Amino acid sequence: MDAEHTSAPSRARSAVPEANPSYGVTHVNVRLTTRYTVVDNRLLQHRGLSLTAIGLAGHIQSLPTGARVDIKTLTARFPEGEVRVAAALRELEAHGYLSRTRERLPNGRVVSRTVSYNQPTGPEDVPEVTPPPPPTPAPPPRPERTRPPAPPRPPLPEPTHSAPDPRRTATALLSRLHHEDPRLLLAEREVVRLAPAVDAWLERGASPEAVRRTLTSCLPTEPLLHPAGLLAHRLTEYLPPPLPPAPPRPLPFQDCDGCDRPFRAAEPGRCRDCRPRPQLPKAS
């Protein structure tokens, strides 16, 4: 059995160098039949261009017609920043490998036209580029949908009668809410603004404890940007109904001046049995 040759190449190559030089580069080339671009050696070995500009020129020449080669697109494609990409494009323009012009379309839009040359050309050698036909007129823009104005906020409730103490209970309740939750620390002007609404609750029979629970329970977990607005919303939306009218108070008891029997009347006098009965007219 023949011995296996472990030094044999894994695949055939189109060209193998006959002798390895003692220094420098050695080329091992594979013949390409698809996905390749012919680049002039005068560009690749140009002594006046930076390495970034040479690589960018080769990239642009490999792109299909119509591809975007603006600074923003190239910066998103490569790790070089906008400054280096813009400088490389200016180098290619200065050495005749690139030309960039700005044109205004019939609709008023300004676009950039970029032409790439595989051989350097001076300004007098730049071939005339036939401008593309004007684009079809764009349809008129759709009118922007305007949102209807937000309905005005309902006013804060007000008590129908003035409080016996000048809103002392309401202001004290609002001023202590931050003891329940530090996010409910109110400015003085907000306490003065919300105090009448608290008085309206108290006037409708709500206890201070019920008002406090309504304002401090089930608060959102995220930070409160406008705690006074949240309290105003709750004082307005959860306002209890007014108290029903109180029943009329019964007349006080009076002692009858005739029989000393108690009876109800607005003023002292005689009961119904001791009052003189009216005389009926006699029949003729």
Protein backbone atom coordinates (compact mmCIF):
# COMPACT_ATOMS: atom_id res chain seq x y z
CA MET A 1 0.00 0.00 0.00
CA ASP A 2 1.31 3.41 -0.94
CA ALA A 3 2.12 5.80 1.94
CA GLU A 4 -0.18 8.79 2.44
CA HIS A 5 1.40 12.12 1.49
CA THR A 6 0.38 14.54 4.21
CA SER A 7 2.17 17.44 2.52
CA ALA A 8 -0.05 17.37 -0.55
CA PRO A 9 -2.19 20.56 -1.05
CA SER A 10 -5.87 20.25 -0.13
CA ARG A 11 -7.10 21.69 -3.44
CA ALA A 12 -5.60 22.61 -6.77
CA ARG A 13 -4.74 26.23 -7.42
CA SER A 14 -4.58 28.04 -10.73
CA ALA A 15 -1.06 29.28 -10.15
CA VAL A 16 1.60 28.18 -7.69
CA PRO A 17 4.77 30.25 -7.36
CA GLU A 18 7.80 28.41 -8.66
CA ALA A 19 10.11 29.79 -6.02
CA ASN A 20 9.46 31.38 -2.66
CA PRO A 21 11.27 34.70 -2.31
CA SER A 22 13.30 35.33 0.78
CA TYR A 23 11.22 38.44 1.59
CA GLY A 24 8.13 40.32 0.40
CA VAL A 25 4.71 39.03 -0.55
CA THR A 26 3.89 35.84 -2.39
CA HIS A 27 0.61 35.69 -4.35
CA VAL A 28 -1.58 32.59 -4.48
CA ASN A 29 -4.44 33.53 -6.84
CA VAL A 30 -7.67 31.66 -7.53
CA ARG A 31 -9.40 32.46 -10.81
CA LEU A 32 -12.65 34.31 -10.14
CA THR A 33 -15.67 33.86 -12.39
CA THR A 34 -18.38 35.64 -10.37
CA ARG A 35 -18.68 38.47 -7.83
CA TYR A 36 -15.51 40.35 -8.74
CA THR A 37 -14.59 43.88 -9.82
CA VAL A 38 -11.74 44.93 -12.11
CA VAL A 39 -9.76 47.71 -10.40
CA ASP A 40 -6.95 49.65 -12.07
CA ASN A 41 -3.54 49.16 -10.44
CA ARG A 42 -2.96 52.89 -10.79
CA LEU A 43 -5.67 53.36 -8.18
CA LEU A 44 -4.53 50.57 -5.88
CA GLN A 45 -0.88 51.75 -6.01
CA HIS A 46 -1.61 55.49 -6.09
CA ARG A 47 1.02 57.39 -4.12
CA GLY A 48 -1.07 60.50 -3.62
CA LEU A 49 -4.11 58.82 -2.03
CA SER A 50 -4.48 57.65 1.53
CA LEU A 51 -5.20 54.02 2.27
CA THR A 52 -8.74 54.99 3.35
CA ALA A 53 -9.37 56.74 0.04
CA ILE A 54 -8.03 53.78 -2.01
CA GLY A 55 -10.20 51.31 -0.10
CA LEU A 56 -13.24 53.57 -0.38
CA ALA A 57 -12.73 53.95 -4.14
CA GLY A 58 -12.57 50.16 -4.56
CA HIS A 59 -15.74 49.78 -2.49
CA ILE A 60 -17.62 52.38 -4.54
CA GLN A 61 -16.53 50.78 -7.83
CA SER A 62 -17.86 47.42 -6.62
CA LEU A 63 -21.36 48.80 -5.93
CA PRO A 64 -24.23 48.58 -8.43
CA THR A 65 -25.54 51.66 -10.19
CA GLY A 66 -27.91 53.59 -7.99
CA ALA A 67 -26.35 52.56 -4.67
CA ARG A 68 -26.12 55.30 -2.06
CA VAL A 69 -22.58 56.54 -1.38
CA ASP A 70 -23.29 59.58 0.79
CA ILE A 71 -21.31 60.21 3.98
CA LYS A 72 -24.11 59.01 6.24
CA THR A 73 -24.50 55.70 4.39
CA LEU A 74 -20.75 55.04 4.24
CA THR A 75 -20.30 55.88 7.91
CA ALA A 76 -23.01 53.39 8.84
CA ARG A 77 -21.25 50.74 6.70
CA PHE A 78 -17.67 51.18 7.90
CA PRO A 79 -16.06 51.85 11.28
CA GLU A 80 -14.41 55.08 10.06
CA GLY A 81 -16.18 58.20 11.27
CA GLU A 82 -17.73 60.99 9.24
CA VAL A 83 -14.52 63.07 9.29
CA ARG A 84 -12.35 60.34 7.73
CA VAL A 85 -15.01 59.31 5.19
CA ALA A 86 -15.57 62.93 4.11
CA ALA A 87 -11.81 63.49 3.78
CA ALA A 88 -11.43 60.33 1.66
CA LEU A 89 -14.24 61.44 -0.68
CA ARG A 90 -12.54 64.81 -1.13
CA GLU A 91 -9.27 63.02 -1.99
CA LEU A 92 -11.01 60.97 -4.66
CA GLU A 93 -12.59 64.10 -6.12
CA ALA A 94 -9.26 65.92 -6.17
CA HIS A 95 -7.56 63.05 -8.08
CA GLY A 96 -10.38 62.57 -10.58
CA TYR A 97 -11.85 59.29 -9.33
CA LEU A 98 -15.12 60.82 -8.18
CA SER A 99 -17.38 63.76 -8.98
CA ARG A 100 -20.29 64.98 -6.92
CA THR A 101 -22.89 67.53 -7.99
CA ARG A 102 -26.13 68.78 -6.48
CA GLU A 103 -29.26 69.16 -8.62
CA ARG A 104 -32.67 70.59 -7.95
CA LEU A 105 -35.60 68.49 -9.17
CA PRO A 106 -38.75 70.06 -10.65
CA ASN A 107 -40.53 69.51 -7.35
CA GLY A 108 -37.92 71.63 -5.57
CA ARG A 109 -36.07 68.77 -3.90
CA VAL A 110 -32.26 68.91 -4.00
CA VAL A 111 -30.45 65.61 -4.69
CA SER A 112 -26.77 64.66 -5.00
CA ARG A 113 -25.40 63.04 -8.18
CA THR A 114 -22.23 60.96 -7.73
CA VAL A 115 -20.16 59.59 -10.64
CA SER A 116 -17.34 57.07 -10.04
CA TYR A 117 -14.47 56.71 -12.58
CA ASN A 118 -12.23 53.63 -12.75
CA GLN A 119 -9.54 55.79 -14.41
CA PRO A 120 -8.61 59.25 -13.13
CA THR A 121 -9.95 62.16 -15.16
CA GLY A 122 -9.32 65.86 -14.92
CA PRO A 123 -12.07 68.46 -14.99
CA GLU A 124 -11.70 68.79 -18.77
CA ASP A 125 -11.98 65.01 -19.28
CA VAL A 126 -15.11 64.41 -17.26
CA PRO A 127 -17.69 63.01 -19.67
CA GLU A 128 -21.03 64.70 -19.78
CA VAL A 129 -23.60 62.79 -17.82
CA THR A 130 -27.05 62.71 -19.31
CA PRO A 131 -29.46 63.70 -16.56
CA PRO A 132 -32.21 61.20 -15.91
CA PRO A 133 -35.72 62.04 -17.04
CA PRO A 134 -37.63 64.17 -14.58
CA PRO A 135 -39.58 62.10 -12.10
CA THR A 136 -43.29 61.88 -12.28
CA PRO A 137 -45.01 64.54 -10.22
CA ALA A 138 -45.51 63.37 -6.70
CA PRO A 139 -49.07 63.24 -5.42
CA PRO A 140 -50.05 66.16 -3.23
CA PRO A 141 -49.27 65.55 0.41
CA ARG A 142 -52.11 64.36 2.51
CA PRO A 143 -53.41 66.93 4.92
CA GLU A 144 -52.16 66.30 8.39
CA ARG A 145 -54.72 65.00 10.78
CA THR A 146 -55.25 67.46 13.54
CA ARG A 147 -56.29 66.13 16.86
CA PRO A 148 -59.34 67.74 18.36
CA PRO A 149 -58.53 69.97 21.29
CA ALA A 150 -58.65 68.24 24.62
CA PRO A 151 -61.79 69.05 26.62
CA PRO A 152 -61.18 71.50 29.43
CA ARG A 153 -60.63 70.02 32.83
CA PRO A 154 -63.60 70.18 35.17
CA PRO A 155 -63.23 72.80 37.87
CA LEU A 156 -62.39 71.76 41.38
CA PRO A 157 -65.42 71.35 43.66
CA GLU A 158 -66.29 74.25 45.95
CA PRO A 159 -68.24 74.16 49.23
CA THR A 160 -71.68 75.79 49.14
CA HIS A 161 -71.22 77.31 52.59
CA SER A 162 -68.16 78.90 54.11
CA ALA A 163 -66.26 76.64 56.48
CA PRO A 164 -66.58 77.50 60.18
CA ASP A 165 -62.81 77.57 60.51
CA PRO A 166 -61.08 79.16 57.50
CA ARG A 167 -60.17 75.84 55.87
CA ARG A 168 -57.99 74.87 58.80
CA THR A 169 -59.01 71.21 58.61
CA ALA A 170 -58.51 71.03 54.84
CA THR A 171 -55.11 72.71 54.81
CA ALA A 172 -53.87 70.57 57.70
CA LEU A 173 -55.01 67.40 55.91
CA LEU A 174 -53.29 68.36 52.64
CA SER A 175 -50.11 69.50 54.37
CA ARG A 176 -49.71 66.13 56.12
CA LEU A 177 -50.17 63.90 53.05
CA HIS A 178 -46.41 63.58 52.56
CA HIS A 179 -46.31 61.70 55.87
CA GLU A 180 -48.20 58.92 54.05
CA ASP A 181 -46.11 59.15 50.86
CA PRO A 182 -43.10 61.49 50.42
CA ARG A 183 -44.14 62.07 46.80
CA LEU A 184 -47.23 63.98 48.02
CA LEU A 185 -45.25 66.93 49.39
CA LEU A 186 -47.22 69.94 48.09
CA ALA A 187 -46.22 73.56 47.65
CA GLU A 188 -48.12 76.12 49.69
CA ARG A 189 -49.93 77.51 46.65
CA GLU A 190 -51.16 73.99 45.78
CA VAL A 191 -52.49 73.50 49.32
CA VAL A 192 -54.39 76.79 49.05
CA ARG A 193 -55.78 75.77 45.65
CA LEU A 194 -56.95 72.30 46.74
CA ALA A 195 -58.30 73.24 50.18
CA PRO A 196 -61.78 74.35 48.92
CA ALA A 197 -62.22 70.96 47.22
CA VAL A 198 -61.47 69.18 50.51
CA ASP A 199 -64.00 71.46 52.24
CA ALA A 200 -66.59 70.40 49.66
CA TRP A 201 -65.99 66.75 50.67
CA LEU A 202 -66.32 67.58 54.34
CA GLU A 203 -69.52 69.51 53.65
CA ARG A 204 -70.99 66.44 51.98
CA GLY A 205 -70.45 64.30 55.05
CA ALA A 206 -67.06 62.76 54.30
CA SER A 207 -64.78 62.47 57.30
CA PRO A 208 -61.18 63.73 57.15
CA GLU A 209 -60.02 60.12 57.39
CA ALA A 210 -62.13 59.16 54.35
CA VAL A 211 -60.63 62.05 52.36
CA ARG A 212 -57.11 61.02 53.37
CA ARG A 213 -57.67 57.39 52.30
CA THR A 214 -59.07 58.50 48.95
CA LEU A 215 -56.05 60.69 48.24
CA THR A 216 -53.31 58.28 49.40
CA SER A 217 -54.52 54.77 48.56
CA CYS A 218 -53.56 52.82 45.41
CA LEU A 219 -51.02 55.37 44.19
CA PRO A 220 -49.02 54.48 41.03
CA THR A 221 -45.58 52.96 41.56
CA GLU A 222 -43.77 55.18 39.05
CA PRO A 223 -42.55 58.66 40.05
CA LEU A 224 -45.27 61.30 40.39
CA LEU A 225 -44.40 64.24 38.17
CA HIS A 226 -47.47 66.28 39.15
CA PRO A 227 -48.79 65.11 42.53
CA ALA A 228 -51.11 68.14 42.84
CA GLY A 229 -52.73 67.21 39.51
CA LEU A 230 -53.34 63.65 40.72
CA LEU A 231 -54.96 64.91 43.93
CA ALA A 232 -57.09 67.41 42.00
CA HIS A 233 -58.29 64.60 39.72
CA ARG A 234 -59.29 62.40 42.66
CA LEU A 235 -61.02 65.24 44.52
CA THR A 236 -63.04 66.01 41.37
CA GLU A 237 -63.82 62.52 40.06
CA TYR A 238 -64.60 60.82 43.40
CA LEU A 239 -66.62 63.66 44.95
CA PRO A 240 -69.42 62.08 47.04
CA PRO A 241 -73.04 63.13 46.39
CA PRO A 242 -74.61 65.92 48.46
CA LEU A 243 -76.30 64.98 51.69
CA PRO A 244 -80.08 64.63 51.46
CA PRO A 245 -82.05 67.49 53.03
CA ALA A 246 -82.61 67.05 56.76
CA PRO A 247 -86.20 66.21 57.79
CA PRO A 248 -88.16 69.10 59.37
CA ARG A 249 -87.76 69.30 63.12
CA PRO A 250 -90.98 68.61 65.10
CA LEU A 251 -92.67 71.47 66.97
CA PRO A 252 -91.68 71.78 70.62
CA PHE A 253 -93.99 70.69 73.42
CA GLN A 254 -96.10 73.37 75.17
CA ASP A 255 -98.18 73.10 78.38
CA CYS A 256 -101.81 73.88 77.71
CA ASP A 257 -102.97 77.00 79.59
CA GLY A 258 -106.40 75.45 80.13
CA CYS A 259 -105.82 71.79 81.11
CA ASP A 260 -102.07 71.78 81.66
CA ARG A 261 -101.74 68.93 79.13
CA PRO A 262 -98.62 68.93 76.89
CA PHE A 263 -99.14 69.49 73.19
CA ARG A 264 -96.94 70.46 70.25
CA ALA A 265 -97.13 74.02 69.07
CA ALA A 266 -94.83 76.78 67.95
CA GLU A 267 -95.93 79.08 70.80
CA PRO A 268 -97.56 78.63 74.25
CA GLY A 269 -101.37 78.58 74.35
CA ARG A 270 -104.24 76.12 74.61
CA CYS A 271 -104.47 72.65 73.22
CA ARG A 272 -106.99 71.73 70.57
CA ASP A 273 -109.57 70.55 73.09
CA CYS A 274 -109.41 73.76 75.17
CA ARG A 275 -109.59 76.14 72.25
CA PRO A 276 -112.97 77.79 71.70
CA ARG A 277 -114.80 76.23 68.82
CA PRO A 278 -116.12 78.54 66.16
CA GLN A 279 -119.88 79.14 66.21
CA LEU A 280 -121.68 77.78 63.18
CA PRO A 281 -124.23 80.14 61.65
CA LYS A 282 -127.82 79.30 62.47
CA ALA A 283 -130.07 78.14 59.72
CA SER A 284 -132.77 80.68 58.81
